[in-house]
mmCIF file of all heavy atoms, coordinates in Angstrom:
data_MODEL
# 
_entry.id   MODEL 
# 
loop_
_atom_site.group_PDB 
_atom_site.id 
_atom_site.type_symbol 
_atom_site.label_atom_id 
_atom_site.label_alt_id 
_atom_site.label_comp_id 
_atom_site.label_asym_id 
_atom_site.label_entity_id 
_atom_site.label_seq_id 
_atom_site.pdbx_PDB_ins_code 
_atom_site.Cartn_x 
_atom_site.Cartn_y 
_atom_site.Cartn_z 
_atom_site.occupancy 
_atom_site.B_iso_or_equiv 
_atom_site.pdbx_formal_charge 
_atom_site.auth_seq_id 
_atom_site.auth_comp_id 
_atom_site.auth_asym_id 
_atom_site.auth_atom_id 
_atom_site.pdbx_PDB_model_num 
ATOM 1   N N   . LEU A 1 1  ? -27.347 -79.973 -3.753  1.00 0.00 ? 1  LEU A N   1 
ATOM 2   C CA  . LEU A 1 1  ? -28.447 -80.342 -4.645  1.00 0.00 ? 1  LEU A CA  1 
ATOM 3   C C   . LEU A 1 1  ? -29.148 -79.098 -5.173  1.00 0.00 ? 1  LEU A C   1 
ATOM 4   O O   . LEU A 1 1  ? -29.507 -79.022 -6.358  1.00 0.00 ? 1  LEU A O   1 
ATOM 5   C CB  . LEU A 1 1  ? -29.438 -81.242 -3.906  1.00 0.00 ? 1  LEU A CB  1 
ATOM 6   C CG  . LEU A 1 1  ? -30.685 -81.661 -4.686  1.00 0.00 ? 1  LEU A CG  1 
ATOM 7   C CD1 . LEU A 1 1  ? -30.298 -82.476 -5.911  1.00 0.00 ? 1  LEU A CD1 1 
ATOM 8   C CD2 . LEU A 1 1  ? -31.642 -82.452 -3.793  1.00 0.00 ? 1  LEU A CD2 1 
ATOM 9   N N   . ALA A 1 2  ? -29.337 -78.101 -4.313  1.00 0.00 ? 2  ALA A N   1 
ATOM 10  C CA  . ALA A 1 2  ? -29.996 -76.868 -4.739  1.00 0.00 ? 2  ALA A CA  1 
ATOM 11  C C   . ALA A 1 2  ? -29.196 -76.165 -5.834  1.00 0.00 ? 2  ALA A C   1 
ATOM 12  O O   . ALA A 1 2  ? -29.759 -75.682 -6.821  1.00 0.00 ? 2  ALA A O   1 
ATOM 13  C CB  . ALA A 1 2  ? -30.177 -75.936 -3.532  1.00 0.00 ? 2  ALA A CB  1 
ATOM 14  N N   . ILE A 1 3  ? -27.865 -76.121 -5.688  1.00 0.00 ? 3  ILE A N   1 
ATOM 15  C CA  . ILE A 1 3  ? -27.026 -75.447 -6.681  1.00 0.00 ? 3  ILE A CA  1 
ATOM 16  C C   . ILE A 1 3  ? -27.076 -76.176 -8.022  1.00 0.00 ? 3  ILE A C   1 
ATOM 17  O O   . ILE A 1 3  ? -27.182 -75.560 -9.091  1.00 0.00 ? 3  ILE A O   1 
ATOM 18  C CB  . ILE A 1 3  ? -25.576 -75.341 -6.159  1.00 0.00 ? 3  ILE A CB  1 
ATOM 19  C CG1 . ILE A 1 3  ? -25.526 -74.386 -4.961  1.00 0.00 ? 3  ILE A CG1 1 
ATOM 20  C CG2 . ILE A 1 3  ? -24.638 -74.853 -7.261  1.00 0.00 ? 3  ILE A CG2 1 
ATOM 21  C CD1 . ILE A 1 3  ? -24.195 -74.371 -4.251  1.00 0.00 ? 3  ILE A CD1 1 
ATOM 22  N N   . VAL A 1 4  ? -27.011 -77.499 -7.993  1.00 0.00 ? 4  VAL A N   1 
ATOM 23  C CA  . VAL A 1 4  ? -27.022 -78.264 -9.235  1.00 0.00 ? 4  VAL A CA  1 
ATOM 24  C C   . VAL A 1 4  ? -28.361 -78.106 -9.956  1.00 0.00 ? 4  VAL A C   1 
ATOM 25  O O   . VAL A 1 4  ? -28.398 -77.917 -11.184 1.00 0.00 ? 4  VAL A O   1 
ATOM 26  C CB  . VAL A 1 4  ? -26.721 -79.749 -8.946  1.00 0.00 ? 4  VAL A CB  1 
ATOM 27  C CG1 . VAL A 1 4  ? -26.917 -80.587 -10.198 1.00 0.00 ? 4  VAL A CG1 1 
ATOM 28  C CG2 . VAL A 1 4  ? -25.295 -79.902 -8.428  1.00 0.00 ? 4  VAL A CG2 1 
ATOM 29  N N   . THR A 1 5  ? -29.458 -78.191 -9.228  1.00 0.00 ? 5  THR A N   1 
ATOM 30  C CA  . THR A 1 5  ? -30.771 -78.043 -9.871  1.00 0.00 ? 5  THR A CA  1 
ATOM 31  C C   . THR A 1 5  ? -30.971 -76.622 -10.389 1.00 0.00 ? 5  THR A C   1 
ATOM 32  O O   . THR A 1 5  ? -31.590 -76.419 -11.442 1.00 0.00 ? 5  THR A O   1 
ATOM 33  C CB  . THR A 1 5  ? -31.902 -78.410 -8.899  1.00 0.00 ? 5  THR A CB  1 
ATOM 34  O OG1 . THR A 1 5  ? -31.757 -77.651 -7.683  1.00 0.00 ? 5  THR A OG1 1 
ATOM 35  C CG2 . THR A 1 5  ? -31.854 -79.889 -8.562  1.00 0.00 ? 5  THR A CG2 1 
ATOM 36  N N   . LEU A 1 6  ? -30.446 -75.632 -9.652  1.00 0.00 ? 6  LEU A N   1 
ATOM 37  C CA  . LEU A 1 6  ? -30.521 -74.253 -10.134 1.00 0.00 ? 6  LEU A CA  1 
ATOM 38  C C   . LEU A 1 6  ? -29.785 -74.125 -11.475 1.00 0.00 ? 6  LEU A C   1 
ATOM 39  O O   . LEU A 1 6  ? -30.276 -73.485 -12.408 1.00 0.00 ? 6  LEU A O   1 
ATOM 40  C CB  . LEU A 1 6  ? -29.913 -73.312 -9.094  1.00 0.00 ? 6  LEU A CB  1 
ATOM 41  C CG  . LEU A 1 6  ? -29.991 -71.797 -9.349  1.00 0.00 ? 6  LEU A CG  1 
ATOM 42  C CD1 . LEU A 1 6  ? -30.017 -71.052 -8.020  1.00 0.00 ? 6  LEU A CD1 1 
ATOM 43  C CD2 . LEU A 1 6  ? -28.798 -71.299 -10.172 1.00 0.00 ? 6  LEU A CD2 1 
ATOM 44  N N   . ALA A 1 7  ? -28.604 -74.755 -11.550 1.00 0.00 ? 7  ALA A N   1 
ATOM 45  C CA  . ALA A 1 7  ? -27.836 -74.710 -12.792 1.00 0.00 ? 7  ALA A CA  1 
ATOM 46  C C   . ALA A 1 7  ? -28.592 -75.383 -13.935 1.00 0.00 ? 7  ALA A C   1 
ATOM 47  O O   . ALA A 1 7  ? -28.571 -74.905 -15.081 1.00 0.00 ? 7  ALA A O   1 
ATOM 48  C CB  . ALA A 1 7  ? -26.477 -75.389 -12.581 1.00 0.00 ? 7  ALA A CB  1 
ATOM 49  N N   . PHE A 1 8  ? -29.292 -76.479 -13.648 1.00 0.00 ? 8  PHE A N   1 
ATOM 50  C CA  . PHE A 1 8  ? -30.075 -77.166 -14.686 1.00 0.00 ? 8  PHE A CA  1 
ATOM 51  C C   . PHE A 1 8  ? -31.172 -76.257 -15.222 1.00 0.00 ? 8  PHE A C   1 
ATOM 52  O O   . PHE A 1 8  ? -31.396 -76.185 -16.449 1.00 0.00 ? 8  PHE A O   1 
ATOM 53  C CB  . PHE A 1 8  ? -30.678 -78.448 -14.110 1.00 0.00 ? 8  PHE A CB  1 
ATOM 54  C CG  . PHE A 1 8  ? -31.575 -79.176 -15.061 1.00 0.00 ? 8  PHE A CG  1 
ATOM 55  C CD1 . PHE A 1 8  ? -31.047 -79.833 -16.159 1.00 0.00 ? 8  PHE A CD1 1 
ATOM 56  C CD2 . PHE A 1 8  ? -32.941 -79.200 -14.864 1.00 0.00 ? 8  PHE A CD2 1 
ATOM 57  C CE1 . PHE A 1 8  ? -31.879 -80.499 -17.052 1.00 0.00 ? 8  PHE A CE1 1 
ATOM 58  C CE2 . PHE A 1 8  ? -33.781 -79.868 -15.737 1.00 0.00 ? 8  PHE A CE2 1 
ATOM 59  C CZ  . PHE A 1 8  ? -33.235 -80.520 -16.838 1.00 0.00 ? 8  PHE A CZ  1 
ATOM 60  N N   . GLY A 1 9  ? -31.856 -75.547 -14.332 1.00 0.00 ? 9  GLY A N   1 
ATOM 61  C CA  . GLY A 1 9  ? -32.892 -74.621 -14.777 1.00 0.00 ? 9  GLY A CA  1 
ATOM 62  C C   . GLY A 1 9  ? -32.338 -73.515 -15.651 1.00 0.00 ? 9  GLY A C   1 
ATOM 63  O O   . GLY A 1 9  ? -32.941 -73.132 -16.668 1.00 0.00 ? 9  GLY A O   1 
ATOM 64  N N   . GLU A 1 10 ? -31.160 -72.990 -15.285 1.00 0.00 ? 10 GLU A N   1 
ATOM 65  C CA  . GLU A 1 10 ? -30.541 -71.946 -16.088 1.00 0.00 ? 10 GLU A CA  1 
ATOM 66  C C   . GLU A 1 10 ? -30.072 -72.481 -17.438 1.00 0.00 ? 10 GLU A C   1 
ATOM 67  O O   . GLU A 1 10 ? -30.133 -71.782 -18.451 1.00 0.00 ? 10 GLU A O   1 
ATOM 68  C CB  . GLU A 1 10 ? -29.382 -71.325 -15.322 1.00 0.00 ? 10 GLU A CB  1 
ATOM 69  C CG  . GLU A 1 10 ? -29.811 -70.393 -14.208 1.00 0.00 ? 10 GLU A CG  1 
ATOM 70  C CD  . GLU A 1 10 ? -30.617 -69.207 -14.727 1.00 0.00 ? 10 GLU A CD  1 
ATOM 71  O OE1 . GLU A 1 10 ? -30.032 -68.327 -15.384 1.00 0.00 ? 10 GLU A OE1 1 
ATOM 72  O OE2 . GLU A 1 10 ? -31.846 -69.193 -14.513 1.00 0.00 ? 10 GLU A OE2 1 
ATOM 73  N N   . ILE A 1 11 ? -29.595 -73.707 -17.472 1.00 0.00 ? 11 ILE A N   1 
ATOM 74  C CA  . ILE A 1 11 ? -29.175 -74.310 -18.745 1.00 0.00 ? 11 ILE A CA  1 
ATOM 75  C C   . ILE A 1 11 ? -30.354 -74.395 -19.716 1.00 0.00 ? 11 ILE A C   1 
ATOM 76  O O   . ILE A 1 11 ? -30.241 -74.047 -20.893 1.00 0.00 ? 11 ILE A O   1 
ATOM 77  C CB  . ILE A 1 11 ? -28.564 -75.708 -18.505 1.00 0.00 ? 11 ILE A CB  1 
ATOM 78  C CG1 . ILE A 1 11 ? -27.193 -75.573 -17.836 1.00 0.00 ? 11 ILE A CG1 1 
ATOM 79  C CG2 . ILE A 1 11 ? -28.435 -76.475 -19.811 1.00 0.00 ? 11 ILE A CG2 1 
ATOM 80  C CD1 . ILE A 1 11 ? -26.618 -76.889 -17.369 1.00 0.00 ? 11 ILE A CD1 1 
ATOM 81  N N   . ILE A 1 12 ? -31.497 -74.846 -19.222 1.00 0.00 ? 12 ILE A N   1 
ATOM 82  C CA  . ILE A 1 12 ? -32.686 -74.951 -20.080 1.00 0.00 ? 12 ILE A CA  1 
ATOM 83  C C   . ILE A 1 12 ? -33.103 -73.573 -20.594 1.00 0.00 ? 12 ILE A C   1 
ATOM 84  O O   . ILE A 1 12 ? -33.430 -73.401 -21.776 1.00 0.00 ? 12 ILE A O   1 
ATOM 85  C CB  . ILE A 1 12 ? -33.842 -75.615 -19.308 1.00 0.00 ? 12 ILE A CB  1 
ATOM 86  C CG1 . ILE A 1 12 ? -33.491 -77.060 -18.938 1.00 0.00 ? 12 ILE A CG1 1 
ATOM 87  C CG2 . ILE A 1 12 ? -35.126 -75.565 -20.118 1.00 0.00 ? 12 ILE A CG2 1 
ATOM 88  C CD1 . ILE A 1 12 ? -33.279 -77.967 -20.120 1.00 0.00 ? 12 ILE A CD1 1 
ATOM 89  N N   . ARG A 1 13 ? -33.063 -72.560 -19.717 1.00 0.00 ? 13 ARG A N   1 
ATOM 90  C CA  . ARG A 1 13 ? -33.464 -71.214 -20.142 1.00 0.00 ? 13 ARG A CA  1 
ATOM 91  C C   . ARG A 1 13 ? -32.497 -70.657 -21.184 1.00 0.00 ? 13 ARG A C   1 
ATOM 92  O O   . ARG A 1 13 ? -32.923 -70.075 -22.193 1.00 0.00 ? 13 ARG A O   1 
ATOM 93  C CB  . ARG A 1 13 ? -33.519 -70.283 -18.935 1.00 0.00 ? 13 ARG A CB  1 
ATOM 94  C CG  . ARG A 1 13 ? -34.000 -68.874 -19.255 1.00 0.00 ? 13 ARG A CG  1 
ATOM 95  C CD  . ARG A 1 13 ? -33.950 -67.986 -18.033 1.00 0.00 ? 13 ARG A CD  1 
ATOM 96  N NE  . ARG A 1 13 ? -32.580 -67.754 -17.605 1.00 0.00 ? 13 ARG A NE  1 
ATOM 97  C CZ  . ARG A 1 13 ? -31.779 -66.825 -18.121 1.00 0.00 ? 13 ARG A CZ  1 
ATOM 98  N NH1 . ARG A 1 13 ? -32.207 -66.048 -19.115 1.00 0.00 ? 13 ARG A NH1 1 
ATOM 99  N NH2 . ARG A 1 13 ? -30.562 -66.673 -17.669 1.00 0.00 ? 13 ARG A NH2 1 
ATOM 100 N N   . ILE A 1 14 ? -31.191 -70.832 -20.963 1.00 0.00 ? 14 ILE A N   1 
ATOM 101 C CA  . ILE A 1 14 ? -30.197 -70.303 -21.901 1.00 0.00 ? 14 ILE A CA  1 
ATOM 102 C C   . ILE A 1 14 ? -30.294 -71.017 -23.248 1.00 0.00 ? 14 ILE A C   1 
ATOM 103 O O   . ILE A 1 14 ? -30.188 -70.397 -24.317 1.00 0.00 ? 14 ILE A O   1 
ATOM 104 C CB  . ILE A 1 14 ? -28.789 -70.435 -21.295 1.00 0.00 ? 14 ILE A CB  1 
ATOM 105 C CG1 . ILE A 1 14 ? -28.655 -69.483 -20.097 1.00 0.00 ? 14 ILE A CG1 1 
ATOM 106 C CG2 . ILE A 1 14 ? -27.719 -70.123 -22.334 1.00 0.00 ? 14 ILE A CG2 1 
ATOM 107 C CD1 . ILE A 1 14 ? -27.391 -69.679 -19.304 1.00 0.00 ? 14 ILE A CD1 1 
ATOM 108 N N   . LEU A 1 15 ? -30.508 -72.334 -23.219 1.00 0.00 ? 15 LEU A N   1 
ATOM 109 C CA  . LEU A 1 15 ? -30.663 -73.068 -24.476 1.00 0.00 ? 15 LEU A CA  1 
ATOM 110 C C   . LEU A 1 15 ? -31.896 -72.598 -25.239 1.00 0.00 ? 15 LEU A C   1 
ATOM 111 O O   . LEU A 1 15 ? -31.883 -72.508 -26.475 1.00 0.00 ? 15 LEU A O   1 
ATOM 112 C CB  . LEU A 1 15 ? -30.754 -74.569 -24.202 1.00 0.00 ? 15 LEU A CB  1 
ATOM 113 C CG  . LEU A 1 15 ? -29.456 -75.276 -23.796 1.00 0.00 ? 15 LEU A CG  1 
ATOM 114 C CD1 . LEU A 1 15 ? -29.737 -76.733 -23.466 1.00 0.00 ? 15 LEU A CD1 1 
ATOM 115 C CD2 . LEU A 1 15 ? -28.405 -75.168 -24.908 1.00 0.00 ? 15 LEU A CD2 1 
ATOM 116 N N   . SER A 1 16 ? -32.975 -72.300 -24.513 1.00 0.00 ? 16 SER A N   1 
ATOM 117 C CA  . SER A 1 16 ? -34.209 -71.899 -25.185 1.00 0.00 ? 16 SER A CA  1 
ATOM 118 C C   . SER A 1 16 ? -34.064 -70.545 -25.881 1.00 0.00 ? 16 SER A C   1 
ATOM 119 O O   . SER A 1 16 ? -34.781 -70.276 -26.848 1.00 0.00 ? 16 SER A O   1 
ATOM 120 C CB  . SER A 1 16 ? -35.363 -71.848 -24.182 1.00 0.00 ? 16 SER A CB  1 
ATOM 121 O OG  . SER A 1 16 ? -35.163 -70.808 -23.233 1.00 0.00 ? 16 SER A OG  1 
ATOM 122 N N   . ARG A 1 17 ? -33.173 -69.694 -25.412 1.00 0.00 ? 17 ARG A N   1 
ATOM 123 C CA  . ARG A 1 17 ? -33.001 -68.385 -26.034 1.00 0.00 ? 17 ARG A CA  1 
ATOM 124 C C   . ARG A 1 17 ? -31.774 -68.316 -26.934 1.00 0.00 ? 17 ARG A C   1 
ATOM 125 O O   . ARG A 1 17 ? -31.452 -67.260 -27.472 1.00 0.00 ? 17 ARG A O   1 
ATOM 126 C CB  . ARG A 1 17 ? -32.919 -67.300 -24.958 1.00 0.00 ? 17 ARG A CB  1 
ATOM 127 C CG  . ARG A 1 17 ? -31.711 -67.367 -24.064 1.00 0.00 ? 17 ARG A CG  1 
ATOM 128 C CD  . ARG A 1 17 ? -31.733 -66.258 -23.031 1.00 0.00 ? 17 ARG A CD  1 
ATOM 129 N NE  . ARG A 1 17 ? -31.769 -64.946 -23.652 1.00 0.00 ? 17 ARG A NE  1 
ATOM 130 C CZ  . ARG A 1 17 ? -31.880 -63.808 -22.975 1.00 0.00 ? 17 ARG A CZ  1 
ATOM 131 N NH1 . ARG A 1 17 ? -31.976 -63.833 -21.653 1.00 0.00 ? 17 ARG A NH1 1 
ATOM 132 N NH2 . ARG A 1 17 ? -31.879 -62.648 -23.607 1.00 0.00 ? 17 ARG A NH2 1 
ATOM 133 N N   . SER A 1 18 ? -31.090 -69.437 -27.096 1.00 0.00 ? 18 SER A N   1 
ATOM 134 C CA  . SER A 1 18 ? -29.879 -69.464 -27.898 1.00 0.00 ? 18 SER A CA  1 
ATOM 135 C C   . SER A 1 18 ? -30.213 -69.382 -29.384 1.00 0.00 ? 18 SER A C   1 
ATOM 136 O O   . SER A 1 18 ? -31.161 -70.005 -29.878 1.00 0.00 ? 18 SER A O   1 
ATOM 137 C CB  . SER A 1 18 ? -29.081 -70.742 -27.613 1.00 0.00 ? 18 SER A CB  1 
ATOM 138 O OG  . SER A 1 18 ? -28.002 -70.877 -28.501 1.00 0.00 ? 18 SER A OG  1 
ATOM 139 N N   . GLU A 1 19 ? -29.409 -68.614 -30.102 1.00 0.00 ? 19 GLU A N   1 
ATOM 140 C CA  . GLU A 1 19 ? -29.579 -68.525 -31.553 1.00 0.00 ? 19 GLU A CA  1 
ATOM 141 C C   . GLU A 1 19 ? -29.216 -69.834 -32.245 1.00 0.00 ? 19 GLU A C   1 
ATOM 142 O O   . GLU A 1 19 ? -29.673 -70.116 -33.349 1.00 0.00 ? 19 GLU A O   1 
ATOM 143 C CB  . GLU A 1 19 ? -28.704 -67.393 -32.110 1.00 0.00 ? 19 GLU A CB  1 
ATOM 144 C CG  . GLU A 1 19 ? -29.183 -65.993 -31.751 1.00 0.00 ? 19 GLU A CG  1 
ATOM 145 C CD  . GLU A 1 19 ? -30.463 -65.615 -32.478 1.00 0.00 ? 19 GLU A CD  1 
ATOM 146 O OE1 . GLU A 1 19 ? -30.873 -66.365 -33.385 1.00 0.00 ? 19 GLU A OE1 1 
ATOM 147 O OE2 . GLU A 1 19 ? -31.045 -64.571 -32.143 1.00 0.00 ? 19 GLU A OE2 1 
ATOM 148 N N   . VAL A 1 20 ? -28.405 -70.642 -31.571 1.00 0.00 ? 20 VAL A N   1 
ATOM 149 C CA  . VAL A 1 20 ? -28.012 -71.931 -32.142 1.00 0.00 ? 20 VAL A CA  1 
ATOM 150 C C   . VAL A 1 20 ? -29.237 -72.824 -32.345 1.00 0.00 ? 20 VAL A C   1 
ATOM 151 O O   . VAL A 1 20 ? -29.340 -73.561 -33.336 1.00 0.00 ? 20 VAL A O   1 
ATOM 152 C CB  . VAL A 1 20 ? -26.970 -72.626 -31.250 1.00 0.00 ? 20 VAL A CB  1 
ATOM 153 C CG1 . VAL A 1 20 ? -26.620 -74.009 -31.787 1.00 0.00 ? 20 VAL A CG1 1 
ATOM 154 C CG2 . VAL A 1 20 ? -25.721 -71.765 -31.122 1.00 0.00 ? 20 VAL A CG2 1 
ATOM 155 N N   . LEU A 1 21 ? -30.187 -72.755 -31.397 1.00 0.00 ? 21 LEU A N   1 
ATOM 156 C CA  . LEU A 1 21 ? -31.399 -73.583 -31.471 1.00 0.00 ? 21 LEU A CA  1 
ATOM 157 C C   . LEU A 1 21 ? -32.598 -72.803 -31.996 1.00 0.00 ? 21 LEU A C   1 
ATOM 158 O O   . LEU A 1 21 ? -33.738 -73.241 -31.822 1.00 0.00 ? 21 LEU A O   1 
ATOM 159 C CB  . LEU A 1 21 ? -31.718 -74.160 -30.081 1.00 0.00 ? 21 LEU A CB  1 
ATOM 160 C CG  . LEU A 1 21 ? -30.675 -75.111 -29.489 1.00 0.00 ? 21 LEU A CG  1 
ATOM 161 C CD1 . LEU A 1 21 ? -31.109 -75.565 -28.102 1.00 0.00 ? 21 LEU A CD1 1 
ATOM 162 C CD2 . LEU A 1 21 ? -30.455 -76.308 -30.393 1.00 0.00 ? 21 LEU A CD2 1 
ATOM 163 N N   . ALA A 1 22 ? -32.347 -71.649 -32.619 1.00 0.00 ? 22 ALA A N   1 
ATOM 164 C CA  . ALA A 1 22 ? -33.461 -70.822 -33.078 1.00 0.00 ? 22 ALA A CA  1 
ATOM 165 C C   . ALA A 1 22 ? -34.312 -71.542 -34.113 1.00 0.00 ? 22 ALA A C   1 
ATOM 166 O O   . ALA A 1 22 ? -35.538 -71.426 -34.119 1.00 0.00 ? 22 ALA A O   1 
ATOM 167 C CB  . ALA A 1 22 ? -32.927 -69.507 -33.643 1.00 0.00 ? 22 ALA A CB  1 
ATOM 168 N N   . ASP A 1 23 ? -33.680 -72.292 -35.004 1.00 0.00 ? 23 ASP A N   1 
ATOM 169 C CA  . ASP A 1 23 ? -34.446 -73.014 -36.020 1.00 0.00 ? 23 ASP A CA  1 
ATOM 170 C C   . ASP A 1 23 ? -35.265 -74.148 -35.424 1.00 0.00 ? 23 ASP A C   1 
ATOM 171 O O   . ASP A 1 23 ? -36.282 -74.556 -36.003 1.00 0.00 ? 23 ASP A O   1 
ATOM 172 C CB  . ASP A 1 23 ? -33.500 -73.575 -37.083 1.00 0.00 ? 23 ASP A CB  1 
ATOM 173 C CG  . ASP A 1 23 ? -32.839 -72.478 -37.897 1.00 0.00 ? 23 ASP A CG  1 
ATOM 174 O OD1 . ASP A 1 23 ? -33.403 -71.373 -37.952 1.00 0.00 ? 23 ASP A OD1 1 
ATOM 175 O OD2 . ASP A 1 23 ? -31.741 -72.724 -38.446 1.00 0.00 ? 23 ASP A OD2 1 
ATOM 176 N N   . PHE A 1 24 ? -34.832 -74.653 -34.273 1.00 0.00 ? 24 PHE A N   1 
ATOM 177 C CA  . PHE A 1 24 ? -35.552 -75.768 -33.659 1.00 0.00 ? 24 PHE A CA  1 
ATOM 178 C C   . PHE A 1 24 ? -36.608 -75.296 -32.668 1.00 0.00 ? 24 PHE A C   1 
ATOM 179 O O   . PHE A 1 24 ? -37.733 -75.813 -32.663 1.00 0.00 ? 24 PHE A O   1 
ATOM 180 C CB  . PHE A 1 24 ? -34.561 -76.693 -32.955 1.00 0.00 ? 24 PHE A CB  1 
ATOM 181 C CG  . PHE A 1 24 ? -35.218 -77.827 -32.210 1.00 0.00 ? 24 PHE A CG  1 
ATOM 182 C CD1 . PHE A 1 24 ? -35.719 -78.923 -32.893 1.00 0.00 ? 24 PHE A CD1 1 
ATOM 183 C CD2 . PHE A 1 24 ? -35.366 -77.780 -30.827 1.00 0.00 ? 24 PHE A CD2 1 
ATOM 184 C CE1 . PHE A 1 24 ? -36.343 -79.958 -32.221 1.00 0.00 ? 24 PHE A CE1 1 
ATOM 185 C CE2 . PHE A 1 24 ? -35.986 -78.807 -30.137 1.00 0.00 ? 24 PHE A CE2 1 
ATOM 186 C CZ  . PHE A 1 24 ? -36.465 -79.899 -30.834 1.00 0.00 ? 24 PHE A CZ  1 
ATOM 187 N N   . ALA A 1 25 ? -36.263 -74.324 -31.785 1.00 0.00 ? 25 ALA A N   1 
ATOM 188 C CA  . ALA A 1 25 ? -37.159 -73.929 -30.700 1.00 0.00 ? 25 ALA A CA  1 
ATOM 189 C C   . ALA A 1 25 ? -37.539 -72.454 -30.737 1.00 0.00 ? 25 ALA A C   1 
ATOM 190 O O   . ALA A 1 25 ? -38.089 -71.948 -29.757 1.00 0.00 ? 25 ALA A O   1 
ATOM 191 C CB  . ALA A 1 25 ? -36.517 -74.262 -29.350 1.00 0.00 ? 25 ALA A CB  1 
ATOM 192 N N   . GLY A 1 26 ? -37.270 -71.759 -31.825 1.00 0.00 ? 26 GLY A N   1 
ATOM 193 C CA  . GLY A 1 26 ? -37.701 -70.373 -31.936 1.00 0.00 ? 26 GLY A CA  1 
ATOM 194 C C   . GLY A 1 26 ? -36.739 -69.351 -31.397 1.00 0.00 ? 26 GLY A C   1 
ATOM 195 O O   . GLY A 1 26 ? -36.871 -68.166 -31.700 1.00 0.00 ? 26 GLY A O   1 
ATOM 196 N N   . GLY A 1 27 ? -35.787 -69.764 -30.553 1.00 0.00 ? 27 GLY A N   1 
ATOM 197 C CA  . GLY A 1 27 ? -34.800 -68.844 -30.014 1.00 0.00 ? 27 GLY A CA  1 
ATOM 198 C C   . GLY A 1 27 ? -35.429 -67.752 -29.174 1.00 0.00 ? 27 GLY A C   1 
ATOM 199 O O   . GLY A 1 27 ? -36.473 -67.960 -28.524 1.00 0.00 ? 27 GLY A O   1 
ATOM 200 N N   . PRO A 1 28 ? -34.830 -66.549 -29.166 1.00 0.00 ? 28 PRO A N   1 
ATOM 201 C CA  . PRO A 1 28 ? -35.378 -65.452 -28.342 1.00 0.00 ? 28 PRO A CA  1 
ATOM 202 C C   . PRO A 1 28 ? -36.786 -65.033 -28.749 1.00 0.00 ? 28 PRO A C   1 
ATOM 203 O O   . PRO A 1 28 ? -37.517 -64.460 -27.944 1.00 0.00 ? 28 PRO A O   1 
ATOM 204 C CB  . PRO A 1 28 ? -34.373 -64.312 -28.589 1.00 0.00 ? 28 PRO A CB  1 
ATOM 205 C CG  . PRO A 1 28 ? -33.131 -64.970 -29.094 1.00 0.00 ? 28 PRO A CG  1 
ATOM 206 C CD  . PRO A 1 28 ? -33.599 -66.182 -29.847 1.00 0.00 ? 28 PRO A CD  1 
ATOM 207 N N   . ARG A 1 29 ? -37.163 -65.276 -29.979 1.00 0.00 ? 29 ARG A N   1 
ATOM 208 C CA  . ARG A 1 29 ? -38.500 -64.879 -30.453 1.00 0.00 ? 29 ARG A CA  1 
ATOM 209 C C   . ARG A 1 29 ? -39.604 -65.766 -29.898 1.00 0.00 ? 29 ARG A C   1 
ATOM 210 O O   . ARG A 1 29 ? -40.778 -65.386 -29.911 1.00 0.00 ? 29 ARG A O   1 
ATOM 211 C CB  . ARG A 1 29 ? -38.546 -64.902 -31.989 1.00 0.00 ? 29 ARG A CB  1 
ATOM 212 C CG  . ARG A 1 29 ? -37.568 -63.959 -32.661 1.00 0.00 ? 29 ARG A CG  1 
ATOM 213 C CD  . ARG A 1 29 ? -37.705 -64.012 -34.174 1.00 0.00 ? 29 ARG A CD  1 
ATOM 214 N NE  . ARG A 1 29 ? -37.452 -65.366 -34.677 1.00 0.00 ? 29 ARG A NE  1 
ATOM 215 C CZ  . ARG A 1 29 ? -36.242 -65.844 -34.936 1.00 0.00 ? 29 ARG A CZ  1 
ATOM 216 N NH1 . ARG A 1 29 ? -35.170 -65.098 -34.718 1.00 0.00 ? 29 ARG A NH1 1 
ATOM 217 N NH2 . ARG A 1 29 ? -36.085 -67.067 -35.404 1.00 0.00 ? 29 ARG A NH2 1 
# 
């Protein structure tokens, strides 16, 4: 359970800094 939840947290962080979602969530900026 700890590993899966850790992966979920990393997925959210990587998506938030992704250039793919930059127009939606600001990306790295």
